[in-house]
Amino acid sequence: MIQVYASLGALPEAPRAQDALLDDLLARSIDVERPYGDQKDDIVDRFTRLYLQALLAHTGGNQTLAARLAGLDRTYLGRLLSKHGAGR
């Protein structure tokens, strides 16, 4: 660390605790006996569901505002909400 500081004039940033926690949780969820694609799809689906729930909570259920904040077309947001059951 001292050598890094001496050469760069700054210490490298420590990984954020939240990033480390996410990495740990993801690492523990890996099942090398299951195909990569299936596991990736499961994780993306879970993230999407949780993201949509948080987004709608943030906008008080206003889907037009939610679509704008998410950078999504309103129709596409509606399809995501239907698929992931987050609009209920």
N, C-alpha and C. Protein backbone atom coordinates (compact mmCIF):
# COMPACT_ATOMS: atom_id res chain seq x y z
N MET A 1 0.82 -1.19 0.00
CA MET A 1 0.00 0.00 0.00
C MET A 1 0.86 1.25 0.00
N ILE A 2 1.93 1.24 0.75
CA ILE A 2 2.80 2.41 0.81
C ILE A 2 3.39 2.69 -0.56
N GLN A 3 3.76 1.62 -1.28
CA GLN A 3 4.32 1.80 -2.62
C GLN A 3 3.28 2.37 -3.58
N VAL A 4 2.05 1.92 -3.43
CA VAL A 4 0.97 2.44 -4.29
C VAL A 4 0.80 3.93 -4.02
N TYR A 5 0.78 4.29 -2.74
CA TYR A 5 0.61 5.69 -2.38
C TYR A 5 1.79 6.52 -2.91
N ALA A 6 2.97 5.99 -2.75
CA ALA A 6 4.17 6.72 -3.19
C ALA A 6 4.16 6.93 -4.70
N SER A 7 3.71 5.95 -5.46
CA SER A 7 3.74 6.10 -6.92
C SER A 7 2.54 6.88 -7.46
N LEU A 8 1.39 6.73 -6.84
CA LEU A 8 0.18 7.40 -7.34
C LEU A 8 -0.17 8.67 -6.58
N GLY A 9 0.34 8.79 -5.37
CA GLY A 9 -0.03 9.93 -4.54
C GLY A 9 -1.38 9.75 -3.87
N ALA A 10 -1.95 8.57 -3.98
CA ALA A 10 -3.24 8.28 -3.35
C ALA A 10 -3.37 6.78 -3.17
N LEU A 11 -4.13 6.42 -2.17
CA LEU A 11 -4.41 4.99 -1.97
C LEU A 11 -5.56 4.58 -2.87
N PRO A 12 -5.53 3.34 -3.36
CA PRO A 12 -6.68 2.88 -4.16
C PRO A 12 -7.92 2.83 -3.28
N GLU A 13 -9.06 3.10 -3.90
CA GLU A 13 -10.31 3.06 -3.15
C GLU A 13 -10.61 1.64 -2.70
N ALA A 14 -11.05 1.53 -1.46
CA ALA A 14 -11.47 0.22 -0.95
C ALA A 14 -12.82 -0.10 -1.58
N PRO A 15 -13.06 -1.36 -1.86
CA PRO A 15 -14.37 -1.72 -2.42
C PRO A 15 -15.47 -1.33 -1.45
N ARG A 16 -16.54 -0.81 -1.99
CA ARG A 16 -17.66 -0.42 -1.14
C ARG A 16 -18.26 -1.65 -0.49
N ALA A 17 -18.71 -1.49 0.73
CA ALA A 17 -19.28 -2.60 1.49
C ALA A 17 -20.46 -3.20 0.75
N GLN A 18 -21.27 -2.37 0.13
CA GLN A 18 -22.45 -2.86 -0.60
C GLN A 18 -22.03 -3.72 -1.78
N ASP A 19 -20.99 -3.31 -2.49
CA ASP A 19 -20.50 -4.10 -3.62
C ASP A 19 -19.96 -5.44 -3.15
N ALA A 20 -19.24 -5.42 -2.04
CA ALA A 20 -18.68 -6.66 -1.50
C ALA A 20 -19.80 -7.60 -1.06
N LEU A 21 -20.85 -7.05 -0.47
CA LEU A 21 -21.99 -7.87 -0.04
C LEU A 21 -22.67 -8.49 -1.25
N LEU A 22 -22.88 -7.70 -2.29
CA LEU A 22 -23.52 -8.23 -3.50
C LEU A 22 -22.66 -9.33 -4.12
N ASP A 23 -21.36 -9.09 -4.21
CA ASP A 23 -20.46 -10.11 -4.76
C ASP A 23 -20.53 -11.40 -3.95
N ASP A 24 -20.58 -11.27 -2.63
CA ASP A 24 -20.65 -12.45 -1.77
C ASP A 24 -21.96 -13.21 -2.00
N LEU A 25 -23.06 -12.49 -2.06
CA LEU A 25 -24.36 -13.13 -2.28
C LEU A 25 -24.42 -13.82 -3.65
N LEU A 26 -23.91 -13.14 -4.66
CA LEU A 26 -23.89 -13.74 -5.99
C LEU A 26 -23.01 -14.98 -6.02
N ALA A 27 -21.84 -14.89 -5.40
CA ALA A 27 -20.92 -16.03 -5.38
C ALA A 27 -21.56 -17.23 -4.71
N ARG A 28 -22.31 -16.99 -3.64
CA ARG A 28 -22.95 -18.11 -2.94
C ARG A 28 -24.13 -18.68 -3.70
N SER A 29 -24.65 -17.93 -4.67
CA SER A 29 -25.81 -18.43 -5.42
C SER A 29 -25.40 -19.21 -6.67
N ILE A 30 -24.12 -19.22 -6.99
CA ILE A 30 -23.65 -19.92 -8.19
C ILE A 30 -23.72 -21.43 -8.00
N ASP A 31 -24.30 -22.07 -8.99
CA ASP A 31 -24.39 -23.53 -8.99
C ASP A 31 -23.73 -24.00 -10.29
N VAL A 32 -22.52 -24.50 -10.18
CA VAL A 32 -21.79 -24.90 -11.39
C VAL A 32 -22.41 -26.11 -12.09
N GLU A 33 -23.37 -26.73 -11.47
CA GLU A 33 -24.08 -27.86 -12.09
C GLU A 33 -25.22 -27.39 -12.99
N ARG A 34 -25.57 -26.10 -12.91
CA ARG A 34 -26.64 -25.55 -13.75
C ARG A 34 -26.02 -24.72 -14.86
N PRO A 35 -26.65 -24.67 -16.03
CA PRO A 35 -26.12 -23.87 -17.13
C PRO A 35 -26.05 -22.38 -16.78
N TYR A 36 -25.01 -21.75 -17.30
CA TYR A 36 -24.78 -20.32 -17.10
C TYR A 36 -26.01 -19.49 -17.47
N GLY A 37 -26.55 -19.74 -18.65
CA GLY A 37 -27.68 -18.94 -19.14
C GLY A 37 -28.88 -18.99 -18.23
N ASP A 38 -29.19 -20.17 -17.71
CA ASP A 38 -30.33 -20.30 -16.80
C ASP A 38 -30.12 -19.49 -15.54
N GLN A 39 -28.93 -19.57 -14.98
CA GLN A 39 -28.65 -18.83 -13.74
C GLN A 39 -28.65 -17.32 -13.98
N LYS A 40 -28.08 -16.90 -15.10
CA LYS A 40 -28.06 -15.47 -15.42
C LYS A 40 -29.49 -14.96 -15.60
N ASP A 41 -30.31 -15.71 -16.30
CA ASP A 41 -31.70 -15.30 -16.51
C ASP A 41 -32.44 -15.19 -15.18
N ASP A 42 -32.21 -16.13 -14.27
CA ASP A 42 -32.84 -16.08 -12.95
C ASP A 42 -32.45 -14.81 -12.19
N ILE A 43 -31.16 -14.48 -12.24
CA ILE A 43 -30.67 -13.30 -11.52
C ILE A 43 -31.24 -12.02 -12.14
N VAL A 44 -31.26 -11.96 -13.47
CA VAL A 44 -31.80 -10.78 -14.15
C VAL A 44 -33.29 -10.64 -13.84
N ASP A 45 -34.03 -11.74 -13.84
CA ASP A 45 -35.46 -11.69 -13.52
C ASP A 45 -35.68 -11.19 -12.09
N ARG A 46 -34.90 -11.68 -11.16
CA ARG A 46 -35.04 -11.23 -9.76
C ARG A 46 -34.72 -9.75 -9.63
N PHE A 47 -33.61 -9.31 -10.26
CA PHE A 47 -33.25 -7.90 -10.22
C PHE A 47 -34.37 -7.05 -10.81
N THR A 48 -34.89 -7.48 -11.96
CA THR A 48 -35.93 -6.70 -12.64
C THR A 48 -37.16 -6.57 -11.76
N ARG A 49 -37.58 -7.66 -11.14
CA ARG A 49 -38.76 -7.62 -10.26
C ARG A 49 -38.52 -6.65 -9.10
N LEU A 50 -37.39 -6.76 -8.45
CA LEU A 50 -37.08 -5.88 -7.32
C LEU A 50 -36.94 -4.42 -7.76
N TYR A 51 -36.30 -4.21 -8.91
CA TYR A 51 -36.15 -2.86 -9.44
C TYR A 51 -37.51 -2.23 -9.71
N LEU A 52 -38.39 -2.98 -10.36
CA LEU A 52 -39.70 -2.45 -10.68
C LEU A 52 -40.51 -2.14 -9.42
N GLN A 53 -40.41 -2.99 -8.42
CA GLN A 53 -41.11 -2.73 -7.16
C GLN A 53 -40.61 -1.44 -6.52
N ALA A 54 -39.30 -1.27 -6.47
CA ALA A 54 -38.71 -0.06 -5.88
C ALA A 54 -39.07 1.17 -6.71
N LEU A 55 -39.04 1.03 -8.02
CA LEU A 55 -39.36 2.14 -8.92
C LEU A 55 -40.80 2.60 -8.72
N LEU A 56 -41.72 1.66 -8.67
CA LEU A 56 -43.13 2.02 -8.48
C LEU A 56 -43.38 2.61 -7.10
N ALA A 57 -42.69 2.08 -6.10
CA ALA A 57 -42.83 2.65 -4.75
C ALA A 57 -42.33 4.09 -4.75
N HIS A 58 -41.24 4.33 -5.46
CA HIS A 58 -40.65 5.67 -5.52
C HIS A 58 -41.57 6.66 -6.23
N THR A 59 -42.29 6.18 -7.24
CA THR A 59 -43.16 7.07 -8.01
C THR A 59 -44.62 7.02 -7.54
N GLY A 60 -44.87 6.33 -6.45
CA GLY A 60 -46.25 6.23 -5.96
C GLY A 60 -47.17 5.53 -6.93
N GLY A 61 -46.61 4.62 -7.73
CA GLY A 61 -47.39 3.86 -8.70
C GLY A 61 -47.59 4.56 -10.03
N ASN A 62 -47.03 5.74 -10.19
CA ASN A 62 -47.17 6.49 -11.44
C ASN A 62 -46.26 5.85 -12.49
N GLN A 63 -46.86 5.10 -13.40
CA GLN A 63 -46.09 4.34 -14.37
C GLN A 63 -45.47 5.23 -15.45
N THR A 64 -46.09 6.35 -15.76
CA THR A 64 -45.50 7.26 -16.74
C THR A 64 -44.21 7.85 -16.19
N LEU A 65 -44.24 8.30 -14.95
CA LEU A 65 -43.04 8.82 -14.31
C LEU A 65 -42.00 7.72 -14.13
N ALA A 66 -42.46 6.52 -13.75
CA ALA A 66 -41.55 5.39 -13.58
C ALA A 66 -40.82 5.08 -14.88
N ALA A 67 -41.55 5.07 -15.99
CA ALA A 67 -40.92 4.80 -17.29
C ALA A 67 -39.88 5.86 -17.61
N ARG A 68 -40.21 7.11 -17.34
CA ARG A 68 -39.26 8.20 -17.61
C ARG A 68 -38.00 8.04 -16.77
N LEU A 69 -38.16 7.79 -15.47
CA LEU A 69 -37.00 7.62 -14.59
C LEU A 69 -36.13 6.43 -14.99
N ALA A 70 -36.78 5.36 -15.45
CA ALA A 70 -36.06 4.14 -15.82
C ALA A 70 -35.46 4.23 -17.22
N GLY A 71 -35.84 5.26 -17.96
CA GLY A 71 -35.34 5.38 -19.34
C GLY A 71 -35.96 4.34 -20.26
N LEU A 72 -37.21 3.99 -19.97
CA LEU A 72 -37.91 2.98 -20.76
C LEU A 72 -39.14 3.58 -21.42
N ASP A 73 -39.53 2.99 -22.53
CA ASP A 73 -40.80 3.32 -23.15
C ASP A 73 -41.92 2.86 -22.23
N ARG A 74 -42.97 3.65 -22.13
CA ARG A 74 -44.09 3.34 -21.22
C ARG A 74 -44.71 1.98 -21.54
N THR A 75 -44.82 1.65 -22.80
CA THR A 75 -45.40 0.36 -23.20
C THR A 75 -44.50 -0.80 -22.76
N TYR A 76 -43.19 -0.62 -22.94
CA TYR A 76 -42.26 -1.67 -22.52
C TYR A 76 -42.29 -1.85 -21.01
N LEU A 77 -42.36 -0.75 -20.27
CA LEU A 77 -42.48 -0.85 -18.81
C LEU A 77 -43.73 -1.65 -18.45
N GLY A 78 -44.82 -1.39 -19.13
CA GLY A 78 -46.06 -2.14 -18.86
C GLY A 78 -45.88 -3.63 -19.09
N ARG A 79 -45.16 -3.98 -20.14
CA ARG A 79 -44.91 -5.41 -20.41
C ARG A 79 -44.03 -6.02 -19.32
N LEU A 80 -43.01 -5.28 -18.87
CA LEU A 80 -42.17 -5.77 -17.78
C LEU A 80 -42.98 -5.97 -16.50
N LEU A 81 -43.85 -5.01 -16.22
CA LEU A 81 -44.69 -5.11 -15.02
C LEU A 81 -45.60 -6.33 -15.08
N SER A 82 -46.16 -6.59 -16.25
CA SER A 82 -47.03 -7.76 -16.42
C SER A 82 -46.23 -9.05 -16.25
N LYS A 83 -45.06 -9.10 -16.88
CA LYS A 83 -44.24 -10.30 -16.85
C LYS A 83 -43.77 -10.62 -15.43
N HIS A 84 -43.37 -9.59 -14.70
CA HIS A 84 -42.76 -9.80 -13.39
C HIS A 84 -43.73 -9.61 -12.23
N GLY A 85 -44.99 -9.30 -12.53
CA GLY A 85 -45.99 -9.17 -11.48
C GLY A 85 -45.69 -8.05 -10.51
N ALA A 86 -44.92 -7.07 -10.94
CA ALA A 86 -44.53 -5.99 -10.03
C ALA A 86 -45.58 -4.88 -9.97
N GLY A 87 -46.53 -4.90 -10.86
CA GLY A 87 -47.53 -3.83 -10.88
C GLY A 87 -48.74 -4.13 -10.01
N ARG A 88 -48.69 -5.22 -9.30
CA ARG A 88 -49.85 -5.62 -8.49
C ARG A 88 -49.78 -5.05 -7.11
